[in-house]
Amino acid sequence: MLEVLDSHYIDLARAKGAPKSAIIWRHALRNAAIPPITFAGLTLAGFITGTVVTETVFSWPGLGRLAVDAVLQNDFPLLTGAVLLVTLMYLATSFLADVAYVYLDPRIRYT
């Protein structure tokens, strides 16, 4: 956020006499929110895929436990399906983060 507040367009908005709250909310925050959204999306995907350890340690039923049991029993079709589902969840969160970019940063447009 501090790096964005030192940008030229922020100086221009200040020179035009825009209120400080408008500068922060309309200009700076929208441009500074891109990296945290990327990190949050990847962290959420990591939490979803990290359930393998939690479900195995606490013996909770779930996708992670199912994948571990598939490995232990050499059930390759089930393991392939579990890995595919986890991959799709990871891609979905990454896609939602990319779609959020369009709403936050007016410079980004998908055509």
N, C-alpha and C. Protein backbone atom coordinates (compact mmCIF):
# COMPACT_ATOMS: atom_id res chain seq x y z
N MET A 1 0.83 -1.19 0.00
CA MET A 1 0.00 0.00 0.00
C MET A 1 0.87 1.26 0.00
N LEU A 2 1.97 1.21 0.73
CA LEU A 2 2.84 2.38 0.78
C LEU A 2 3.49 2.65 -0.57
N GLU A 3 3.80 1.59 -1.28
CA GLU A 3 4.39 1.76 -2.61
C GLU A 3 3.38 2.39 -3.57
N VAL A 4 2.13 2.00 -3.46
CA VAL A 4 1.09 2.56 -4.33
C VAL A 4 0.83 4.02 -3.97
N LEU A 5 0.89 4.35 -2.68
CA LEU A 5 0.67 5.74 -2.26
C LEU A 5 1.77 6.68 -2.73
N ASP A 6 2.92 6.14 -3.12
CA ASP A 6 4.00 6.98 -3.66
C ASP A 6 3.96 7.09 -5.17
N SER A 7 2.92 6.57 -5.81
CA SER A 7 2.83 6.57 -7.27
C SER A 7 2.45 7.97 -7.79
N HIS A 8 2.68 8.15 -9.08
CA HIS A 8 2.42 9.45 -9.70
C HIS A 8 0.92 9.76 -9.78
N TYR A 9 0.10 8.75 -10.02
CA TYR A 9 -1.33 9.03 -10.13
C TYR A 9 -1.94 9.40 -8.79
N ILE A 10 -1.34 8.97 -7.69
CA ILE A 10 -1.80 9.39 -6.37
C ILE A 10 -1.42 10.86 -6.15
N ASP A 11 -0.22 11.22 -6.59
CA ASP A 11 0.19 12.64 -6.51
C ASP A 11 -0.71 13.51 -7.36
N LEU A 12 -1.10 13.02 -8.52
CA LEU A 12 -2.00 13.78 -9.39
C LEU A 12 -3.37 13.96 -8.74
N ALA A 13 -3.89 12.89 -8.10
CA ALA A 13 -5.18 13.00 -7.43
C ALA A 13 -5.11 13.99 -6.27
N ARG A 14 -4.00 14.01 -5.56
CA ARG A 14 -3.82 14.98 -4.47
C ARG A 14 -3.75 16.40 -5.03
N ALA A 15 -3.06 16.56 -6.17
CA ALA A 15 -2.93 17.88 -6.78
C ALA A 15 -4.27 18.39 -7.28
N LYS A 16 -5.13 17.48 -7.71
CA LYS A 16 -6.46 17.89 -8.16
C LYS A 16 -7.38 18.27 -7.01
N GLY A 17 -6.98 17.94 -5.78
CA GLY A 17 -7.78 18.32 -4.62
C GLY A 17 -8.75 17.25 -4.18
N ALA A 18 -8.53 16.01 -4.56
CA ALA A 18 -9.42 14.92 -4.14
C ALA A 18 -9.28 14.70 -2.64
N PRO A 19 -10.38 14.36 -1.99
CA PRO A 19 -10.30 14.09 -0.56
C PRO A 19 -9.39 12.88 -0.27
N LYS A 20 -8.78 12.90 0.91
CA LYS A 20 -7.84 11.83 1.26
C LYS A 20 -8.53 10.47 1.29
N SER A 21 -9.76 10.40 1.77
CA SER A 21 -10.47 9.12 1.81
C SER A 21 -10.75 8.60 0.41
N ALA A 22 -11.06 9.48 -0.53
CA ALA A 22 -11.31 9.05 -1.91
C ALA A 22 -10.03 8.56 -2.56
N ILE A 23 -8.93 9.20 -2.25
CA ILE A 23 -7.64 8.77 -2.81
C ILE A 23 -7.31 7.36 -2.32
N ILE A 24 -7.50 7.14 -1.03
CA ILE A 24 -7.16 5.83 -0.48
C ILE A 24 -8.12 4.75 -0.98
N TRP A 25 -9.44 4.99 -0.92
CA TRP A 25 -10.41 3.95 -1.27
C TRP A 25 -10.54 3.73 -2.76
N ARG A 26 -10.54 4.76 -3.55
CA ARG A 26 -10.78 4.61 -4.99
C ARG A 26 -9.52 4.31 -5.78
N HIS A 27 -8.42 4.92 -5.39
CA HIS A 27 -7.21 4.80 -6.20
C HIS A 27 -6.21 3.80 -5.61
N ALA A 28 -5.82 4.03 -4.38
CA ALA A 28 -4.72 3.25 -3.81
C ALA A 28 -5.13 1.83 -3.44
N LEU A 29 -6.24 1.68 -2.77
CA LEU A 29 -6.63 0.35 -2.29
C LEU A 29 -6.93 -0.61 -3.43
N ARG A 30 -7.56 -0.13 -4.47
CA ARG A 30 -7.88 -1.00 -5.60
C ARG A 30 -6.62 -1.54 -6.27
N ASN A 31 -5.59 -0.71 -6.37
CA ASN A 31 -4.36 -1.15 -7.01
C ASN A 31 -3.47 -1.95 -6.05
N ALA A 32 -3.58 -1.72 -4.78
CA ALA A 32 -2.76 -2.44 -3.82
C ALA A 32 -3.38 -3.78 -3.43
N ALA A 33 -4.60 -4.05 -3.80
CA ALA A 33 -5.29 -5.27 -3.39
C ALA A 33 -4.95 -6.48 -4.25
N ILE A 34 -4.26 -6.30 -5.36
CA ILE A 34 -3.96 -7.41 -6.27
C ILE A 34 -3.07 -8.47 -5.60
N PRO A 35 -1.93 -8.13 -5.03
CA PRO A 35 -1.10 -9.18 -4.40
C PRO A 35 -1.77 -9.90 -3.22
N PRO A 36 -2.48 -9.21 -2.33
CA PRO A 36 -3.14 -9.96 -1.26
C PRO A 36 -4.24 -10.91 -1.76
N ILE A 37 -4.92 -10.54 -2.83
CA ILE A 37 -5.94 -11.44 -3.37
C ILE A 37 -5.29 -12.68 -3.95
N THR A 38 -4.17 -12.52 -4.62
CA THR A 38 -3.45 -13.68 -5.14
C THR A 38 -3.00 -14.59 -4.01
N PHE A 39 -2.42 -14.00 -2.99
CA PHE A 39 -1.96 -14.78 -1.85
C PHE A 39 -3.12 -15.46 -1.13
N ALA A 40 -4.24 -14.76 -0.96
CA ALA A 40 -5.40 -15.34 -0.27
C ALA A 40 -5.98 -16.50 -1.07
N GLY A 41 -6.05 -16.37 -2.39
CA GLY A 41 -6.57 -17.46 -3.20
C GLY A 41 -5.70 -18.70 -3.13
N LEU A 42 -4.39 -18.52 -3.19
CA LEU A 42 -3.50 -19.66 -3.11
C LEU A 42 -3.46 -20.26 -1.70
N THR A 43 -3.61 -19.43 -0.69
CA THR A 43 -3.66 -19.93 0.68
C THR A 43 -4.94 -20.72 0.92
N LEU A 44 -6.06 -20.24 0.40
CA LEU A 44 -7.32 -20.98 0.53
C LEU A 44 -7.22 -22.33 -0.16
N ALA A 45 -6.62 -22.36 -1.32
CA ALA A 45 -6.42 -23.63 -2.02
C ALA A 45 -5.50 -24.54 -1.22
N GLY A 46 -4.50 -23.98 -0.59
CA GLY A 46 -3.62 -24.78 0.26
C GLY A 46 -4.33 -25.34 1.47
N PHE A 47 -5.26 -24.57 2.04
CA PHE A 47 -6.04 -25.09 3.16
C PHE A 47 -6.93 -26.24 2.72
N ILE A 48 -7.52 -26.11 1.54
CA ILE A 48 -8.39 -27.16 1.04
C ILE A 48 -7.59 -28.43 0.77
N THR A 49 -6.44 -28.29 0.14
CA THR A 49 -5.64 -29.46 -0.18
C THR A 49 -4.85 -29.96 1.02
N GLY A 50 -4.68 -29.16 2.04
CA GLY A 50 -3.96 -29.56 3.24
C GLY A 50 -4.77 -30.39 4.21
N THR A 51 -6.00 -30.69 3.87
CA THR A 51 -6.82 -31.49 4.76
C THR A 51 -6.36 -32.94 4.82
N VAL A 52 -5.48 -33.33 3.91
CA VAL A 52 -4.97 -34.71 3.91
C VAL A 52 -4.32 -35.01 5.25
N VAL A 53 -3.48 -34.13 5.73
CA VAL A 53 -2.78 -34.35 6.99
C VAL A 53 -3.76 -34.34 8.16
N THR A 54 -4.65 -33.36 8.19
CA THR A 54 -5.59 -33.23 9.30
C THR A 54 -6.52 -34.44 9.39
N GLU A 55 -7.05 -34.85 8.25
CA GLU A 55 -7.97 -35.99 8.26
C GLU A 55 -7.26 -37.29 8.60
N THR A 56 -6.02 -37.42 8.22
CA THR A 56 -5.27 -38.64 8.53
C THR A 56 -4.90 -38.70 10.01
N VAL A 57 -4.44 -37.58 10.56
CA VAL A 57 -4.03 -37.56 11.96
C VAL A 57 -5.22 -37.78 12.89
N PHE A 58 -6.35 -37.13 12.61
CA PHE A 58 -7.50 -37.23 13.50
C PHE A 58 -8.51 -38.29 13.08
N SER A 59 -8.20 -39.04 12.03
CA SER A 59 -9.07 -40.12 11.52
C SER A 59 -10.47 -39.61 11.17
N TRP A 60 -10.53 -38.44 10.59
CA TRP A 60 -11.80 -37.90 10.12
C TRP A 60 -12.05 -38.39 8.71
N PRO A 61 -13.29 -38.72 8.38
CA PRO A 61 -13.55 -39.10 6.99
C PRO A 61 -13.57 -37.87 6.09
N GLY A 62 -13.04 -38.03 4.91
CA GLY A 62 -13.00 -36.92 3.97
C GLY A 62 -12.16 -37.27 2.77
N LEU A 63 -11.97 -36.29 1.90
CA LEU A 63 -11.23 -36.52 0.66
C LEU A 63 -9.76 -36.84 0.93
N GLY A 64 -9.16 -36.19 1.90
CA GLY A 64 -7.77 -36.46 2.23
C GLY A 64 -7.57 -37.86 2.76
N ARG A 65 -8.44 -38.27 3.65
CA ARG A 65 -8.37 -39.63 4.20
C ARG A 65 -8.61 -40.66 3.10
N LEU A 66 -9.53 -40.36 2.20
CA LEU A 66 -9.81 -41.24 1.07
C LEU A 66 -8.58 -41.41 0.19
N ALA A 67 -7.86 -40.31 -0.04
CA ALA A 67 -6.65 -40.37 -0.86
C ALA A 67 -5.56 -41.20 -0.19
N VAL A 68 -5.39 -41.05 1.11
CA VAL A 68 -4.39 -41.83 1.84
C VAL A 68 -4.74 -43.31 1.81
N ASP A 69 -6.02 -43.62 2.03
CA ASP A 69 -6.44 -45.03 1.96
C ASP A 69 -6.25 -45.60 0.56
N ALA A 70 -6.46 -44.79 -0.46
CA ALA A 70 -6.25 -45.25 -1.84
C ALA A 70 -4.78 -45.54 -2.09
N VAL A 71 -3.88 -44.75 -1.52
CA VAL A 71 -2.45 -45.00 -1.66
C VAL A 71 -2.07 -46.29 -0.95
N LEU A 72 -2.58 -46.47 0.27
CA LEU A 72 -2.23 -47.66 1.05
C LEU A 72 -2.77 -48.94 0.42
N GLN A 73 -3.89 -48.86 -0.29
CA GLN A 73 -4.50 -50.05 -0.90
C GLN A 73 -4.18 -50.17 -2.39
N ASN A 74 -3.30 -49.31 -2.90
CA ASN A 74 -2.93 -49.30 -4.33
C ASN A 74 -4.15 -49.18 -5.25
N ASP A 75 -5.08 -48.36 -4.86
CA ASP A 75 -6.29 -48.12 -5.68
C ASP A 75 -6.02 -46.89 -6.56
N PHE A 76 -5.41 -47.14 -7.71
CA PHE A 76 -4.96 -46.05 -8.57
C PHE A 76 -6.10 -45.25 -9.21
N PRO A 77 -7.21 -45.87 -9.65
CA PRO A 77 -8.29 -45.04 -10.20
C PRO A 77 -8.88 -44.08 -9.16
N LEU A 78 -9.03 -44.55 -7.92
CA LEU A 78 -9.55 -43.68 -6.87
C LEU A 78 -8.56 -42.57 -6.54
N LEU A 79 -7.29 -42.90 -6.51
CA LEU A 79 -6.26 -41.89 -6.24
C LEU A 79 -6.21 -40.86 -7.36
N THR A 80 -6.35 -41.31 -8.60
CA THR A 80 -6.38 -40.39 -9.73
C THR A 80 -7.56 -39.44 -9.63
N GLY A 81 -8.72 -39.96 -9.25
CA GLY A 81 -9.90 -39.11 -9.08
C GLY A 81 -9.74 -38.10 -7.96
N ALA A 82 -9.13 -38.53 -6.85
CA ALA A 82 -8.91 -37.61 -5.72
C ALA A 82 -7.93 -36.51 -6.09
N VAL A 83 -6.86 -36.87 -6.78
CA VAL A 83 -5.88 -35.87 -7.20
C VAL A 83 -6.51 -34.91 -8.21
N LEU A 84 -7.32 -35.44 -9.10
CA LEU A 84 -8.00 -34.58 -10.08
C LEU A 84 -8.96 -33.61 -9.39
N LEU A 85 -9.67 -34.07 -8.39
CA LEU A 85 -10.61 -33.20 -7.67
C LEU A 85 -9.88 -32.10 -6.90
N VAL A 86 -8.77 -32.45 -6.26
CA VAL A 86 -7.97 -31.45 -5.54
C VAL A 86 -7.40 -30.43 -6.51
N THR A 87 -6.96 -30.91 -7.68
CA THR A 87 -6.43 -30.00 -8.70
C THR A 87 -7.50 -29.05 -9.20
N LEU A 88 -8.70 -29.56 -9.39
CA LEU A 88 -9.81 -28.69 -9.84
C LEU A 88 -10.17 -27.65 -8.78
N MET A 89 -10.09 -28.02 -7.50
CA MET A 89 -10.35 -27.04 -6.44
C MET A 89 -9.28 -25.95 -6.45
N TYR A 90 -8.04 -26.35 -6.65
CA TYR A 90 -6.94 -25.40 -6.70
C TYR A 90 -7.09 -24.45 -7.88
N LEU A 91 -7.45 -25.01 -9.03
CA LEU A 91 -7.65 -24.17 -10.22
C LEU A 91 -8.85 -23.25 -10.06
N ALA A 92 -9.90 -23.72 -9.40
CA ALA A 92 -11.09 -22.88 -9.20
C ALA A 92 -10.78 -21.68 -8.32
N THR A 93 -10.03 -21.89 -7.25
CA THR A 93 -9.70 -20.74 -6.39
C THR A 93 -8.78 -19.76 -7.12
N SER A 94 -7.87 -20.28 -7.91
CA SER A 94 -7.00 -19.41 -8.69
C SER A 94 -7.80 -18.63 -9.73
N PHE A 95 -8.77 -19.27 -10.35
CA PHE A 95 -9.62 -18.59 -11.33
C PHE A 95 -10.46 -17.51 -10.67
N LEU A 96 -11.01 -17.79 -9.49
CA LEU A 96 -11.80 -16.78 -8.79
C LEU A 96 -10.96 -15.57 -8.39
N ALA A 97 -9.71 -15.82 -8.03
CA ALA A 97 -8.80 -14.69 -7.73
C ALA A 97 -8.56 -13.87 -8.98
N ASP A 98 -8.39 -14.52 -10.13
CA ASP A 98 -8.18 -13.79 -11.38
C ASP A 98 -9.42 -12.99 -11.78
N VAL A 99 -10.60 -13.52 -11.52
CA VAL A 99 -11.83 -12.78 -11.83
C VAL A 99 -11.98 -11.59 -10.90
N ALA A 100 -11.53 -11.73 -9.67
CA ALA A 100 -11.60 -10.61 -8.72
C ALA A 100 -10.70 -9.46 -9.16
N TYR A 101 -9.63 -9.76 -9.89
CA TYR A 101 -8.76 -8.70 -10.40
C TYR A 101 -9.52 -7.74 -11.30
N VAL A 102 -10.42 -8.27 -12.11
CA VAL A 102 -11.15 -7.44 -13.07
C VAL A 102 -12.01 -6.42 -12.33
N TYR A 103 -12.59 -6.83 -11.23
CA TYR A 103 -13.45 -5.91 -10.49
C TYR A 103 -12.68 -4.89 -9.67
N LEU A 104 -11.45 -5.24 -9.28
CA LEU A 104 -10.68 -4.32 -8.46
C LEU A 104 -9.83 -3.35 -9.26
N ASP A 105 -9.20 -3.82 -10.31
CA ASP A 105 -8.27 -2.99 -11.05
C ASP A 105 -8.86 -2.64 -12.42
N PRO A 106 -9.17 -1.39 -12.66
CA PRO A 106 -9.80 -1.02 -13.93
C PRO A 106 -8.87 -1.19 -15.14
N ARG A 107 -7.58 -1.31 -14.90
CA ARG A 107 -6.66 -1.49 -16.03
C ARG A 107 -6.70 -2.90 -16.60
N ILE A 108 -7.20 -3.85 -15.83
CA ILE A 108 -7.24 -5.24 -16.26
C ILE A 108 -8.59 -5.51 -16.91
N ARG A 109 -8.58 -5.91 -18.15
CA ARG A 109 -9.80 -6.25 -18.87
C ARG A 109 -9.54 -7.51 -19.67
N TYR A 110 -10.41 -8.49 -19.53
CA TYR A 110 -10.31 -9.70 -20.34
C TYR A 110 -11.22 -9.54 -21.54
N THR A 111 -10.68 -9.74 -22.72
CA THR A 111 -11.49 -9.60 -23.94
C THR A 111 -11.64 -10.93 -24.62
